[in-house]
Amino acid sequence: MGISQDARMMLTDHNVMTSSTLELSLLSERYHETEGGTSLAYMSDSVLNIKLDKKGARCSDWERRDLTPQQIDYAAADAWVAYEIFQVLFLRAMKERHDSEIPSILEFCSEFMDRRPVKVIAAKRNTEKKEMKVSKRKEYPARKEALYENCRMVSPTGETLCTCSAKKLKWYIERGLADQVSEDPPTIRLRFQPNGSGHSGDPYYLGHKENICVVCGATDKLVRHSIVPHSYRRHFDVKDKSRSSHDIVLVCQKCLQKISSVDMSLRQLISMETGISLAGVNPKYIISPELQRAKKCAKVFICNNSENLPEAKMKQYKEVIGMYLQKDPEQLTMEDYKQVVTEDLKKPNPDHKPHEEEVIEAIKNDRDKLEAFVHRWRRNFRDKMRPQHLPDHWTVDRPLDFH
């Protein structure tokens, strides 16, 4: 259980990147039960009727060069029972299917891959059965309106310039700048010759796009997803930031959970390759040790604990507070103590630079490297998520300068 955490440790500790992970707790939630929890030991017992001996080896020294026979048995048993549990749950799932078509193992596993584990708190034994607490996955605000309305705008000569929203069509018509020439699809013809040709001749931008999850085809709870994370792209030059539509797609909440895990793996790999920490360059916040000490001392006076202090100690505490406030210790008031206690201990560090900014700063003046960076994120999305519903003419290798 929690295999994604193991994958992250393999990457950070041993520079080994896994292609994908399969979370057994999600399979158990669907095809078994989680009443007793989702630990591997519980699932081994309840699914295979095999009890794992977790004592001793778990807390032993795993840094030693030569593992003990007990440690080897422990590690091998973990790997073996995980595979056997999957086999049992897979066969159980196949028996529950009502259609005659049997999916491949890869097709069956796709919705459980690269996902976070489900957390279940098991009911205590010898007590009344209680409702299990299953952790809720974070959901992002879903779109209330369609992203793609597939309306079209054409030049006076009939050349298709772009697709746009119905609201934009209405704006042109109400101002007498265009006439509607078709209802299906909604199309307007401009009454003037535009300066540029828009996206004329670009099959991707002019193509019809469905309002569905590009990964699984779901139609509800859709959100916009940036294939090249916005935290990186926001540091591109303005002209490159404006060419991001190719990398904005619709995904459902369920697929977004998996994407988050997939994206984090690539972030970690980029961090290792560049030597730029995910925490960024220089601490994000500065913690003042002087304020830390002053806070500790001020709390004594606010909580009325100063009465029991020796006079020398009380004087020392006031000197610490006075030094921080640059005020005579004998002139301190209760308001001064409250000011110190409520002051934010962490202050933004002006020398801090986010990881993403440092990465882009290092490559944005090299066109080939920046383009390779963008293509890498697209390839990561395509290979790890295996989207089945990408718009026609979407490609990994589309140049940044294509317009």
Protein backbone atom coordinates (compact mmCIF):
# COMPACT_ATOMS: atom_id res chain seq x y z
CA MET A 1 0.00 0.00 0.00
CA GLY A 2 1.22 3.54 -0.64
CA ILE A 3 3.37 2.30 -3.50
CA SER A 4 3.66 5.83 -4.93
CA GLN A 5 5.65 6.85 -1.84
CA ASP A 6 8.02 3.92 -2.42
CA ALA A 7 8.46 5.06 -6.04
CA ARG A 8 9.36 8.58 -4.87
CA MET A 9 11.93 7.17 -2.45
CA MET A 10 13.48 5.06 -5.22
CA LEU A 11 13.84 8.20 -7.32
CA THR A 12 15.25 10.45 -4.59
CA ASP A 13 17.46 7.83 -2.90
CA HIS A 14 18.65 5.73 -5.83
CA ASN A 15 17.91 7.78 -8.97
CA VAL A 16 15.62 4.99 -10.25
CA MET A 17 12.46 6.20 -11.97
CA THR A 18 9.46 3.88 -12.17
CA SER A 19 7.27 3.93 -15.27
CA SER A 20 4.02 3.51 -13.31
CA THR A 21 2.68 2.24 -10.00
CA LEU A 22 -0.50 0.31 -9.16
CA GLU A 23 -2.23 1.14 -5.88
CA LEU A 24 -3.71 -2.07 -4.39
CA SER A 25 -5.82 -0.22 -1.81
CA LEU A 26 -7.93 1.20 -4.65
CA LEU A 27 -8.45 -2.29 -6.07
CA SER A 28 -9.41 -3.54 -2.63
CA GLU A 29 -11.89 -0.70 -2.21
CA ARG A 30 -13.60 -1.78 -5.46
CA TYR A 31 -13.35 -5.57 -5.42
CA HIS A 32 -12.79 -6.61 -1.81
CA GLU A 33 -13.50 -4.61 1.34
CA THR A 34 -11.65 -2.15 3.52
CA GLU A 35 -13.35 -2.75 6.84
CA GLY A 36 -10.14 -3.86 8.50
CA GLY A 37 -7.99 -1.25 6.80
CA THR A 38 -5.82 -1.25 3.70
CA SER A 39 -2.47 -2.37 5.05
CA LEU A 40 -0.65 -5.10 3.15
CA ALA A 41 -0.71 -7.30 6.26
CA TYR A 42 -4.50 -7.03 6.54
CA MET A 43 -5.07 -7.65 2.83
CA SER A 44 -2.71 -10.62 2.86
CA ASP A 45 -4.71 -12.10 5.72
CA SER A 46 -8.18 -11.31 4.35
CA VAL A 47 -7.54 -12.00 0.65
CA LEU A 48 -4.93 -14.79 0.71
CA ASN A 49 -5.41 -16.12 4.26
CA ILE A 50 -1.66 -15.61 4.78
CA LYS A 51 -0.39 -13.82 7.88
CA LEU A 52 2.71 -11.69 7.33
CA ASP A 53 5.27 -11.61 10.12
CA LYS A 54 5.97 -7.89 10.42
CA LYS A 55 7.77 -8.03 13.75
CA GLY A 56 11.50 -7.58 14.08
CA ALA A 57 12.55 -7.00 10.49
CA ARG A 58 10.50 -3.85 9.94
CA CYS A 59 12.45 -1.82 12.52
CA SER A 60 15.81 -3.44 11.86
CA ASP A 61 18.82 -1.78 10.24
CA TRP A 62 18.03 -1.58 6.52
CA GLU A 63 21.15 0.53 5.83
CA ARG A 64 23.51 -2.38 6.45
CA ARG A 65 25.42 -3.68 3.43
CA ASP A 66 24.43 -7.36 3.88
CA LEU A 67 20.80 -7.90 4.80
CA THR A 68 19.95 -10.66 7.23
CA PRO A 69 17.96 -13.72 6.05
CA GLN A 70 15.02 -12.38 8.08
CA GLN A 71 15.16 -9.03 6.25
CA ILE A 72 15.39 -10.74 2.85
CA ASP A 73 12.38 -12.93 3.67
CA TYR A 74 10.46 -9.88 4.86
CA ALA A 75 11.13 -7.91 1.63
CA ALA A 76 10.45 -10.90 -0.63
CA ALA A 77 7.17 -11.68 1.16
CA ASP A 78 5.99 -8.09 0.69
CA ALA A 79 6.63 -8.24 -3.05
CA TRP A 80 5.18 -11.73 -3.48
CA VAL A 81 1.91 -11.22 -1.57
CA ALA A 82 1.28 -7.91 -3.37
CA TYR A 83 1.43 -9.75 -6.72
CA GLU A 84 -0.78 -12.59 -5.44
CA ILE A 85 -3.36 -10.15 -4.03
CA PHE A 86 -3.52 -8.44 -7.41
CA GLN A 87 -4.07 -11.79 -9.18
CA VAL A 88 -6.96 -12.70 -6.87
CA LEU A 89 -8.63 -9.28 -7.19
CA PHE A 90 -8.14 -9.25 -10.98
CA LEU A 91 -9.85 -12.65 -11.36
CA ARG A 92 -12.63 -11.53 -9.04
CA ALA A 93 -13.16 -8.43 -11.15
CA MET A 94 -13.31 -10.49 -14.35
CA LYS A 95 -16.01 -12.73 -12.85
CA GLU A 96 -18.10 -9.68 -12.02
CA ARG A 97 -18.04 -8.42 -15.62
CA HIS A 98 -21.26 -8.86 -17.57
CA ASP A 99 -19.77 -8.42 -21.02
CA SER A 100 -17.92 -11.12 -22.88
CA GLU A 101 -14.91 -8.98 -23.78
CA ILE A 102 -12.01 -9.46 -21.38
CA PRO A 103 -9.69 -6.43 -21.15
CA SER A 104 -5.94 -6.72 -21.11
CA ILE A 105 -4.29 -6.35 -17.72
CA LEU A 106 -2.97 -2.94 -18.79
CA GLU A 107 -6.47 -1.76 -19.74
CA PHE A 108 -7.89 -3.07 -16.48
CA CYS A 109 -5.18 -1.40 -14.38
CA SER A 110 -5.29 1.99 -16.07
CA GLU A 111 -7.73 3.60 -13.62
CA PHE A 112 -5.74 2.39 -10.60
CA MET A 113 -2.29 3.41 -11.83
CA ASP A 114 -0.28 6.31 -10.40
CA ARG A 115 -3.00 7.11 -7.88
CA ARG A 116 -2.77 7.97 -4.22
CA PRO A 117 -3.81 5.28 -1.74
CA VAL A 118 -7.20 5.29 -0.06
CA LYS A 119 -6.84 5.71 3.68
CA VAL A 120 -9.16 3.74 5.93
CA ILE A 121 -9.23 3.78 9.72
CA ALA A 122 -10.27 0.34 10.87
CA ALA A 123 -12.85 -0.07 13.63
CA LYS A 124 -11.44 -1.21 16.96
CA ARG A 125 -12.08 -4.81 17.86
CA ASN A 126 -14.64 -5.76 20.52
CA THR A 127 -16.60 -2.58 19.91
CA GLU A 128 -19.71 -1.80 17.95
CA LYS A 129 -19.15 -1.53 14.23
CA LYS A 130 -18.51 2.06 13.26
CA GLU A 131 -18.68 3.73 9.91
CA MET A 132 -15.27 3.67 8.25
CA LYS A 133 -13.57 6.99 7.67
CA VAL A 134 -12.29 7.17 4.14
CA SER A 135 -10.14 10.15 3.29
CA LYS A 136 -11.64 12.47 0.70
CA ARG A 137 -9.47 13.33 -2.25
CA LYS A 138 -9.06 16.99 -3.01
CA GLU A 139 -11.26 18.16 -5.84
CA TYR A 140 -10.64 21.28 -7.88
CA PRO A 141 -13.53 23.56 -8.88
CA ALA A 142 -15.13 22.02 -11.96
CA ARG A 143 -16.07 24.12 -14.99
CA LYS A 144 -19.69 25.25 -15.06
CA GLU A 145 -19.59 26.15 -18.73
CA ALA A 146 -18.17 24.40 -21.78
CA LEU A 147 -14.59 25.30 -22.63
CA TYR A 148 -15.10 24.71 -26.33
CA GLU A 149 -18.12 26.23 -28.07
CA ASN A 150 -16.61 25.66 -31.51
CA CYS A 151 -18.00 28.86 -33.05
CA ARG A 152 -16.16 30.06 -36.12
CA MET A 153 -15.00 33.41 -37.45
CA VAL A 154 -14.25 33.89 -41.15
CA SER A 155 -12.78 36.76 -43.14
CA PRO A 156 -14.75 38.70 -45.79
CA THR A 157 -13.28 36.32 -48.37
CA GLY A 158 -14.49 33.24 -46.43
CA GLU A 159 -11.15 32.19 -44.96
CA THR A 160 -11.56 30.60 -41.49
CA LEU A 161 -9.58 32.69 -39.00
CA CYS A 162 -10.27 31.03 -35.67
CA THR A 163 -12.75 29.25 -33.42
CA CYS A 164 -14.19 31.19 -30.50
CA SER A 165 -17.03 31.46 -27.99
CA ALA A 166 -20.64 32.39 -28.66
CA LYS A 167 -20.11 35.45 -26.47
CA LYS A 168 -17.39 36.71 -28.80
CA LEU A 169 -19.60 36.16 -31.86
CA LYS A 170 -22.38 38.14 -30.21
CA TRP A 171 -19.97 41.00 -29.43
CA TYR A 172 -18.96 41.36 -33.11
CA ILE A 173 -22.56 41.14 -34.36
CA GLU A 174 -23.96 43.70 -31.86
CA ARG A 175 -21.33 46.23 -32.91
CA GLY A 176 -22.02 45.78 -36.59
CA LEU A 177 -18.58 44.29 -37.23
CA ALA A 178 -19.80 40.94 -38.54
CA ASP A 179 -22.81 39.03 -39.86
CA GLN A 180 -23.88 35.54 -38.84
CA VAL A 181 -23.70 33.28 -41.89
CA SER A 182 -24.33 29.87 -40.31
CA GLU A 183 -25.96 28.35 -37.24
CA ASP A 184 -24.35 24.91 -37.38
CA PRO A 185 -21.64 25.52 -36.50
CA PRO A 186 -22.31 29.12 -35.41
CA THR A 187 -20.25 31.21 -37.82
CA ILE A 188 -19.78 34.93 -38.44
CA ARG A 189 -18.19 36.71 -41.40
CA LEU A 190 -16.28 39.89 -40.62
CA ARG A 191 -17.29 43.10 -42.42
CA PHE A 192 -13.68 44.26 -42.51
CA GLN A 193 -10.39 42.76 -43.57
CA PRO A 194 -8.35 41.93 -40.42
CA ASN A 195 -4.65 42.80 -40.22
CA GLY A 196 -3.58 39.21 -39.65
CA SER A 197 -4.78 35.76 -40.68
CA GLY A 198 -5.37 34.42 -37.16
CA HIS A 199 -4.99 30.64 -37.06
CA SER A 200 -5.82 30.20 -40.72
CA GLY A 201 -4.30 26.99 -42.04
CA ASP A 202 -3.70 25.53 -38.56
CA PRO A 203 -5.77 22.30 -38.38
CA TYR A 204 -5.31 21.95 -34.61
CA TYR A 205 -6.70 25.36 -33.67
CA LEU A 206 -9.45 25.30 -36.29
CA GLY A 207 -10.56 21.75 -35.55
CA HIS A 208 -13.69 20.76 -33.61
CA LYS A 209 -12.97 19.98 -29.96
CA GLU A 210 -15.11 17.94 -27.59
CA ASN A 211 -15.86 18.96 -24.02
CA ILE A 212 -14.71 15.67 -22.52
CA CYS A 213 -11.78 14.41 -20.48
CA VAL A 214 -8.98 13.83 -22.98
CA VAL A 215 -7.79 10.83 -20.96
CA CYS A 216 -10.91 8.77 -20.28
CA GLY A 217 -13.73 10.58 -22.11
CA ALA A 218 -15.73 11.53 -18.98
CA THR A 219 -18.12 14.44 -19.44
CA ASP A 220 -18.68 15.71 -15.89
CA LYS A 221 -16.51 17.45 -13.28
CA LEU A 222 -14.10 18.71 -15.90
CA VAL A 223 -11.22 21.08 -15.18
CA ARG A 224 -8.61 22.75 -17.36
CA HIS A 225 -5.20 21.15 -17.09
CA SER A 226 -1.93 22.64 -18.26
CA ILE A 227 0.25 19.86 -19.67
CA VAL A 228 3.29 22.09 -19.16
CA PRO A 229 2.62 23.16 -15.54
CA HIS A 230 1.68 26.80 -15.16
CA SER A 231 4.27 27.19 -12.41
CA TYR A 232 6.95 26.69 -15.10
CA ARG A 233 5.22 28.37 -18.03
CA ARG A 234 4.55 31.58 -16.10
CA HIS A 235 8.30 32.25 -16.26
CA PHE A 236 8.43 31.96 -20.07
CA ASP A 237 8.83 35.11 -22.13
CA VAL A 238 5.52 36.80 -22.93
CA LYS A 239 5.40 35.64 -26.55
CA ASP A 240 5.82 32.01 -25.48
CA LYS A 241 3.34 32.24 -22.61
CA SER A 242 0.68 33.41 -25.07
CA ARG A 243 1.09 30.22 -27.14
CA SER A 244 -0.17 27.84 -24.49
CA SER A 245 -3.52 26.72 -25.93
CA HIS A 246 -1.98 23.60 -27.41
CA ASP A 247 -1.09 22.50 -23.90
CA ILE A 248 -4.42 23.28 -22.22
CA VAL A 249 -6.73 20.26 -22.14
CA LEU A 250 -9.82 19.16 -20.26
CA VAL A 251 -9.54 16.35 -17.71
CA CYS A 252 -11.87 14.93 -15.09
CA GLN A 253 -11.19 15.00 -11.35
CA LYS A 254 -10.35 11.30 -11.27
CA CYS A 255 -7.68 11.58 -13.96
CA LEU A 256 -6.35 14.79 -12.41
CA GLN A 257 -5.43 12.84 -9.27
CA LYS A 258 -3.23 10.54 -11.32
CA ILE A 259 -1.78 13.44 -13.33
CA SER A 260 -0.65 15.13 -10.10
CA SER A 261 1.38 12.06 -9.16
CA VAL A 262 2.81 11.68 -12.68
CA ASP A 263 3.79 15.36 -12.82
CA MET A 264 5.49 15.22 -9.43
CA SER A 265 7.70 12.34 -10.59
CA LEU A 266 8.92 14.41 -13.55
CA ARG A 267 9.45 17.47 -11.31
CA GLN A 268 11.65 15.37 -9.04
CA LEU A 269 13.61 14.06 -12.00
CA ILE A 270 14.14 17.61 -13.34
CA SER A 271 15.28 18.66 -9.88
CA MET A 272 17.84 15.85 -9.76
CA GLU A 273 19.13 16.55 -13.28
CA THR A 274 19.51 20.30 -12.77
CA GLY A 275 20.56 20.27 -9.13
CA ILE A 276 17.82 22.83 -8.40
CA SER A 277 15.88 21.83 -5.30
CA LEU A 278 12.09 21.66 -5.49
CA ALA A 279 12.14 24.02 -2.52
CA GLY A 280 13.88 26.59 -4.69
CA VAL A 281 17.06 28.61 -4.20
CA ASN A 282 17.43 30.11 -0.71
CA PRO A 283 14.73 29.56 1.93
CA LYS A 284 11.28 30.87 1.05
CA TYR A 285 10.93 32.42 4.50
CA ILE A 286 13.31 33.94 6.99
CA ILE A 287 12.79 33.08 10.64
CA SER A 288 14.16 35.68 13.02
CA PRO A 289 15.87 34.08 16.05
CA GLU A 290 15.54 37.43 17.86
CA LEU A 291 11.76 37.39 17.37
CA GLN A 292 11.65 33.73 18.39
CA ARG A 293 13.28 34.54 21.74
CA ALA A 294 11.16 37.67 22.21
CA LYS A 295 7.96 35.70 21.61
CA LYS A 296 8.92 33.13 24.21
CA CYS A 297 9.58 35.84 26.76
CA ALA A 298 6.46 37.90 25.92
CA LYS A 299 4.18 34.88 26.42
CA VAL A 300 5.29 34.72 30.02
CA PHE A 301 3.89 38.23 30.68
CA ILE A 302 0.71 37.72 28.67
CA CYS A 303 -0.11 34.47 30.49
CA ASN A 304 0.44 36.14 33.87
CA ASN A 305 3.29 33.78 34.70
CA SER A 306 5.73 36.59 35.47
CA GLU A 307 4.64 36.86 39.12
CA ASN A 308 6.53 33.70 40.01
CA LEU A 309 9.68 34.73 38.16
CA PRO A 310 12.77 35.82 40.04
CA GLU A 311 13.40 39.53 39.57
CA ALA A 312 16.64 38.89 37.68
CA LYS A 313 14.86 36.55 35.25
CA MET A 314 12.04 39.03 34.68
CA LYS A 315 14.58 41.75 33.93
CA GLN A 316 16.34 39.44 31.48
CA TYR A 317 13.06 38.67 29.66
CA LYS A 318 12.22 42.35 29.37
CA GLU A 319 15.67 43.10 27.99
CA VAL A 320 15.18 40.47 25.27
CA ILE A 321 11.80 41.98 24.29
CA GLY A 322 13.11 45.54 24.52
CA MET A 323 16.10 44.73 22.35
CA TYR A 324 13.81 43.31 19.66
CA LEU A 325 11.44 46.29 19.78
CA GLN A 326 14.33 48.73 20.25
CA LYS A 327 12.57 50.11 23.29
CA ASP A 328 13.52 50.76 26.92
CA PRO A 329 12.76 47.49 28.79
CA GLU A 330 11.26 49.45 31.71
CA GLN A 331 8.78 51.19 29.36
CA LEU A 332 7.25 47.99 27.96
CA THR A 333 3.46 47.65 28.11
CA MET A 334 0.99 44.81 27.67
CA GLU A 335 0.38 46.07 24.12
CA ASP A 336 4.07 45.60 23.39
CA TYR A 337 3.93 42.01 24.61
CA LYS A 338 0.85 41.31 22.46
CA GLN A 339 2.51 42.90 19.44
CA VAL A 340 5.50 40.57 19.77
CA VAL A 341 3.37 37.44 20.28
CA THR A 342 1.10 38.14 17.29
CA GLU A 343 3.90 39.14 14.91
CA ASP A 344 4.47 36.65 12.10
CA LEU A 345 7.57 34.62 12.83
CA LYS A 346 8.15 33.81 9.15
CA LYS A 347 8.89 36.65 6.76
CA PRO A 348 9.26 36.36 2.98
CA ASN A 349 12.87 36.04 1.89
CA PRO A 350 13.57 38.55 -0.91
CA ASP A 351 16.46 36.35 -2.10
CA HIS A 352 14.25 33.27 -2.56
CA LYS A 353 13.72 31.98 -6.09
CA PRO A 354 11.21 29.19 -6.82
CA HIS A 355 12.50 25.99 -8.39
CA GLU A 356 10.44 26.61 -11.53
CA GLU A 357 11.82 30.11 -12.07
CA GLU A 358 15.42 28.90 -11.74
CA VAL A 359 14.83 26.03 -14.18
CA ILE A 360 13.29 28.28 -16.84
CA GLU A 361 15.85 31.08 -16.34
CA ALA A 362 18.58 28.56 -17.17
CA ILE A 363 17.05 27.49 -20.51
CA LYS A 364 14.70 30.16 -21.85
CA ASN A 365 17.37 31.93 -23.89
CA ASP A 366 18.26 28.65 -25.61
CA ARG A 367 15.41 27.98 -28.03
CA ASP A 368 16.26 24.32 -28.51
CA LYS A 369 16.43 23.60 -24.79
CA LEU A 370 13.16 25.42 -24.05
CA GLU A 371 11.38 23.57 -26.83
CA ALA A 372 12.81 20.25 -25.62
CA PHE A 373 11.52 21.08 -22.12
CA VAL A 374 7.99 21.65 -23.45
CA HIS A 375 8.10 18.52 -25.59
CA ARG A 376 9.26 16.52 -22.59
CA TRP A 377 6.19 17.49 -20.57
CA ARG A 378 3.90 16.68 -23.48
CA ARG A 379 5.59 13.30 -23.93
CA ASN A 380 5.31 12.62 -20.21
CA PHE A 381 1.57 13.32 -20.35
CA ARG A 382 1.05 11.18 -23.45
CA ASP A 383 3.12 8.20 -22.30
CA LYS A 384 2.06 8.08 -18.65
CA MET A 385 -1.62 9.03 -18.98
CA ARG A 386 -2.27 7.36 -22.38
CA PRO A 387 -5.02 9.85 -23.33
CA GLN A 388 -7.62 8.38 -25.66
CA HIS A 389 -9.45 11.56 -26.64
CA LEU A 390 -6.88 14.21 -27.52
CA PRO A 391 -8.10 16.66 -30.18
CA ASP A 392 -7.18 15.86 -33.76
CA HIS A 393 -3.78 17.17 -34.83
CA TRP A 394 -2.48 17.43 -31.25
CA THR A 395 1.20 16.49 -31.34
CA VAL A 396 4.09 16.25 -28.93
CA ASP A 397 6.51 17.95 -31.31
CA ARG A 398 4.50 21.03 -32.23
CA PRO A 399 7.04 23.90 -32.31
CA LEU A 400 6.68 26.76 -29.85
CA ASP A 401 6.87 29.24 -32.72
CA PHE A 402 4.07 27.60 -34.72
CA HIS A 403 1.31 30.18 -35.20
